[in-house]
C-alpha atoms as a PDB file:
ATOM      1  CA  MET A   1      34.173   1.674   5.528  1.00  0.00           C
ATOM      2  CA  GLU A   2      30.858  -0.235   6.626  1.00  0.00           C
ATOM      3  CA  VAL A   3      28.763   1.863   4.079  1.00  0.00           C
ATOM      4  CA  GLU A   4      31.292   1.111   1.157  1.00  0.00           C
ATOM      5  CA  ASN A   5      30.986  -2.630   2.083  1.00  0.00           C
ATOM      6  CA  GLU A   6      27.212  -2.396   2.196  1.00  0.00           C
ATOM      7  CA  ILE A   7      27.162  -0.565  -1.246  1.00  0.00           C
ATOM      8  CA  GLU A   8      29.392  -3.280  -2.618  1.00  0.00           C
ATOM      9  CA  LYS A   9      27.141  -6.038  -1.269  1.00  0.00           C
ATOM     10  CA  GLN A  10      24.074  -4.539  -2.841  1.00  0.00           C
ATOM     11  CA  ASP A  11      25.772  -4.281  -6.024  1.00  0.00           C
ATOM     12  CA  GLU A  12      26.800  -7.752  -6.073  1.00  0.00           C
ATOM     13  CA  ILE A  13      23.157  -8.662  -5.348  1.00  0.00           C
ATOM     14  CA  LYS A  14      21.032  -8.150  -8.561  1.00  0.00           C
ATOM     15  CA  ARG A  15      17.427  -7.755  -8.228  1.00  0.00           C
ATOM     16  CA  PRO A  16      15.299  -9.832 -10.722  1.00  0.00           C
ATOM     17  CA  TRP A  17      13.759  -7.637 -13.253  1.00  0.00           C
ATOM     18  CA  LEU A  18      10.270  -8.981 -12.428  1.00  0.00           C
ATOM     19  CA  LEU A  19      10.688  -8.206  -8.765  1.00  0.00           C
ATOM     20  CA  SER A  20      11.755  -4.591 -10.004  1.00  0.00           C
ATOM     21  CA  ILE A  21       8.549  -4.283 -11.993  1.00  0.00           C
ATOM     22  CA  LEU A  22       6.290  -5.626  -9.274  1.00  0.00           C
ATOM     23  CA  CYS A  23       8.049  -3.068  -6.842  1.00  0.00           C
ATOM     24  CA  VAL A  24       7.453  -0.042  -9.385  1.00  0.00           C
ATOM     25  CA  VAL A  25       3.788  -1.140  -9.703  1.00  0.00           C
ATOM     26  CA  PHE A  26       3.647  -1.141  -5.800  1.00  0.00           C
ATOM     27  CA  PHE A  27       5.651   2.033  -5.387  1.00  0.00           C
ATOM     28  CA  VAL A  28       3.266   4.080  -7.765  1.00  0.00           C
ATOM     29  CA  HIS A  29       0.029   2.363  -6.459  1.00  0.00           C
ATOM     30  CA  SER A  30       0.827   3.025  -2.884  1.00  0.00           C
ATOM     31  CA  ALA A  31       2.107   6.595  -3.330  1.00  0.00           C
ATOM     32  CA  ILE A  32      -0.811   7.681  -5.393  1.00  0.00           C
ATOM     33  CA  LEU A  33      -3.301   6.309  -3.108  1.00  0.00           C
ATOM     34  CA  ALA A  34      -1.434   7.579   0.014  1.00  0.00           C
ATOM     35  CA  MET A  35      -1.468  11.049  -1.264  1.00  0.00           C
ATOM     36  CA  LEU A  36      -5.148  11.107  -2.106  1.00  0.00           C
ATOM     37  CA  PHE A  37      -6.040   9.892   1.396  1.00  0.00           C
ATOM     38  CA  LEU A  38      -3.664  12.635   2.659  1.00  0.00           C
ATOM     39  CA  SER A  39      -5.237  15.102   0.762  1.00  0.00           C
ATOM     40  CA  SER A  40      -8.761  14.006   1.776  1.00  0.00           C
ATOM     41  CA  ILE A  41      -7.391  14.470   5.376  1.00  0.00           C
ATOM     42  CA  PHE A  42      -6.764  18.159   4.492  1.00  0.00           C
ATOM     43  CA  PHE A  43      -9.996  18.640   2.588  1.00  0.00           C
ATOM     44  CA  ASN A  44     -12.038  16.810   4.867  1.00  0.00           C
ATOM     45  CA  THR A  45     -14.952  19.172   5.134  1.00  0.00           C
ATOM     46  CA  TRP A  46     -15.218  19.619   1.365  1.00  0.00           C
ATOM     47  CA  LEU A  47     -15.074  15.850   0.878  1.00  0.00           C
ATOM     48  CA  THR A  48     -17.917  15.118   3.532  1.00  0.00           C
ATOM     49  CA  GLU A  49     -20.174  17.386   1.713  1.00  0.00           C
ATOM     50  CA  VAL A  50     -19.454  15.847  -1.588  1.00  0.00           C
ATOM     51  CA  ILE A  51     -19.984  12.439  -0.142  1.00  0.00           C
ATOM     52  CA  ASN A  52     -23.495  13.603   1.596  1.00  0.00           C
ATOM     53  CA  ASN A  53     -24.505  15.208  -1.780  1.00  0.00           C
ATOM     54  CA  PHE A  54     -24.195  11.943  -3.621  1.00  0.00           C
ATOM     55  CA  ASN A  55     -25.341   9.631  -0.960  1.00  0.00           C
ATOM     56  CA  GLU A  56     -28.912  10.405   0.293  1.00  0.00           C
ATOM     57  CA  ASN A  57     -29.539   7.569   2.440  1.00  0.00           C
ATOM     58  CA  ASN A  58     -26.552   7.906   4.792  1.00  0.00           C
ATOM     59  CA  SER A  59     -25.340  11.119   6.468  1.00  0.00           C
ATOM     60  CA  PHE A  60     -21.723  10.962   7.201  1.00  0.00           C
ATOM     61  CA  GLY A  61     -20.072  13.275   9.706  1.00  0.00           C
ATOM     62  CA  ASN A  62     -16.632  15.107   9.368  1.00  0.00           C
ATOM     63  CA  SER A  63     -15.317  12.586  12.009  1.00  0.00           C
ATOM     64  CA  ARG A  64     -16.111   9.417  10.165  1.00  0.00           C
ATOM     65  CA  VAL A  65     -14.612  10.531   6.757  1.00  0.00           C
ATOM     66  CA  LEU A  66     -11.568  11.852   8.663  1.00  0.00           C
ATOM     67  CA  PHE A  67     -11.178   8.442  10.172  1.00  0.00           C
ATOM     68  CA  PHE A  68     -11.615   6.598   6.968  1.00  0.00           C
ATOM     69  CA  SER A  69      -9.079   8.894   5.437  1.00  0.00           C
ATOM     70  CA  MET A  70      -6.564   8.446   8.332  1.00  0.00           C
ATOM     71  CA  ILE A  71      -6.728   4.655   8.042  1.00  0.00           C
ATOM     72  CA  GLY A  72      -6.243   4.703   4.385  1.00  0.00           C
ATOM     73  CA  PHE A  73      -3.378   6.810   4.494  1.00  0.00           C
ATOM     74  CA  LEU A  74      -1.714   4.576   7.141  1.00  0.00           C
ATOM     75  CA  LEU A  75      -2.430   1.416   5.277  1.00  0.00           C
ATOM     76  CA  TYR A  76      -0.978   2.517   1.883  1.00  0.00           C
ATOM     77  CA  GLY A  77       1.816   4.423   3.737  1.00  0.00           C
ATOM     78  CA  ALA A  78       2.774   1.107   5.219  1.00  0.00           C
ATOM     79  CA  SER A  79       2.424  -0.469   1.749  1.00  0.00           C
ATOM     80  CA  PHE A  80       4.920   1.857   0.437  1.00  0.00           C
ATOM     81  CA  ILE A  81       7.220   1.388   3.170  1.00  0.00           C
ATOM     82  CA  GLY A  82       7.124  -2.506   2.674  1.00  0.00           C
ATOM     83  CA  THR A  83       7.710  -1.921  -0.972  1.00  0.00           C
ATOM     84  CA  TRP A  84      10.856   0.218  -0.349  1.00  0.00           C
ATOM     85  CA  TYR A  85      12.221  -2.600   2.161  1.00  0.00           C
ATOM     86  CA  LEU A  86      11.349  -5.156  -0.521  1.00  0.00           C
ATOM     87  CA  TRP A  87      13.206  -2.891  -3.355  1.00  0.00           C
ATOM     88  CA  HIS A  88      16.321  -3.194  -1.092  1.00  0.00           C
ATOM     89  CA  LEU A  89      15.867  -7.008  -0.827  1.00  0.00           C
ATOM     90  CA  LYS A  90      14.697  -7.030   2.771  1.00  0.00           C
ATOM     91  CA  LYS A  91      12.444  -9.935   3.927  1.00  0.00           C
ATOM     92  CA  LYS A  92      10.653  -7.745   6.334  1.00  0.00           C
ATOM     93  CA  GLY A  93       9.432  -5.502   3.369  1.00  0.00           C
ATOM     94  CA  LEU A  94       7.503  -8.837   2.178  1.00  0.00           C
ATOM     95  CA  TYR A  95       5.921  -9.056   5.610  1.00  0.00           C
ATOM     96  CA  ILE A  96       4.980  -5.419   5.636  1.00  0.00           C
ATOM     97  CA  LEU A  97       3.658  -5.402   2.405  1.00  0.00           C
ATOM     98  CA  SER A  98       1.524  -8.637   2.951  1.00  0.00           C
ATOM     99  CA  ILE A  99       0.141  -7.474   6.084  1.00  0.00           C
ATOM    100  CA  SER A 100      -0.666  -3.944   4.756  1.00  0.00           C
ATOM    101  CA  VAL A 101      -2.513  -5.501   1.585  1.00  0.00           C
ATOM    102  CA  PHE A 102      -4.402  -8.026   3.614  1.00  0.00           C
ATOM    103  CA  SER A 103      -5.388  -5.141   6.023  1.00  0.00           C
ATOM    104  CA  ILE A 104      -6.619  -3.033   3.097  1.00  0.00           C
ATOM    105  CA  LEU A 105      -8.690  -5.892   1.896  1.00  0.00           C
ATOM    106  CA  LEU A 106     -10.304  -6.468   5.238  1.00  0.00           C
ATOM    107  CA  PHE A 107     -10.898  -2.745   5.631  1.00  0.00           C
ATOM    108  CA  THR A 108     -12.609  -2.585   2.222  1.00  0.00           C
ATOM    109  CA  TYR A 109     -14.652  -5.503   3.162  1.00  0.00           C
ATOM    110  CA  ILE A 110     -15.699  -4.185   6.576  1.00  0.00           C
ATOM    111  CA  ILE A 111     -16.853  -0.719   4.995  1.00  0.00           C
ATOM    112  CA  GLY A 112     -18.723  -2.452   2.168  1.00  0.00           C
ATOM    113  CA  ALA A 113     -16.355  -1.321  -0.510  1.00  0.00           C
ATOM    114  CA  ASP A 114     -14.944  -4.725  -1.239  1.00  0.00           C
ATOM    115  CA  SER A 115     -14.315  -6.007  -4.884  1.00  0.00           C
ATOM    116  CA  LEU A 116     -13.625  -9.461  -5.818  1.00  0.00           C
ATOM    117  CA  ILE A 117     -11.439  -8.330  -8.754  1.00  0.00           C
ATOM    118  CA  ASN A 118      -9.446  -6.004  -6.629  1.00  0.00           C
ATOM    119  CA  ALA A 119      -8.870  -9.016  -3.956  1.00  0.00           C
ATOM    120  CA  VAL A 120      -7.804 -11.397  -6.854  1.00  0.00           C
ATOM    121  CA  ILE A 121      -5.322  -8.720  -8.311  1.00  0.00           C
ATOM    122  CA  TYR A 122      -3.732  -7.979  -4.773  1.00  0.00           C
ATOM    123  CA  ILE A 123      -3.429 -11.785  -3.983  1.00  0.00           C
ATOM    124  CA  ILE A 124      -1.948 -12.639  -7.317  1.00  0.00           C
ATOM    125  CA  LEU A 125       0.568  -9.638  -7.096  1.00  0.00           C
ATOM    126  CA  LEU A 126       1.570 -10.794  -3.506  1.00  0.00           C
ATOM    127  CA  LEU A 127       2.005 -14.340  -4.881  1.00  0.00           C
ATOM    128  CA  PHE A 128       4.417 -13.139  -7.470  1.00  0.00           C
ATOM    129  CA  LEU A 129       6.506 -11.269  -4.833  1.00  0.00           C
ATOM    130  CA  ALA A 130       6.490 -14.539  -2.696  1.00  0.00           C
ATOM    131  CA  LEU A 131       8.081 -16.264  -5.628  1.00  0.00           C
ATOM    132  CA  PHE A 132      11.423 -14.158  -4.955  1.00  0.00           C
ATOM    133  CA  TYR A 133      11.308 -15.004  -1.103  1.00  0.00           C
ATOM    134  CA  GLY A 134      14.434 -16.991  -1.609  1.00  0.00           C
ATOM    135  CA  LYS A 135      16.481 -14.226  -3.168  1.00  0.00           C
ATOM    136  CA  ILE A 136      15.478 -11.757  -0.351  1.00  0.00           C
ATOM    137  CA  ASN A 137      17.706 -11.464   2.422  1.00  0.00           C
END
């Protein structure tokens, strides 16, 4: 009985189309990057060799590349989970997504792979999502 009431309640609350589009963008982005980082965990040895072949100045070890891959997988996985909650119009989804996006930006800044364009795009997308804060439960 409670499940039916929950389904009816969700049917009554319509998700705005712009929020749906933003969620799809974050779903696709988060899923692709999480899968790439997950595959880099499994192919860690090969990836370390490729990185070291193209980077003559620094010699990266397997553990350093594995750590980077695990952090990336966790951050983009959290972004995917936050988007899933946001898709279901839960406020904690916006919080999880915001924390993961800012953590991603901070992590890329720490490792020296930051980009101003990347940061601006992420922040603009989060601001668009914040416009729907009142419509989220």
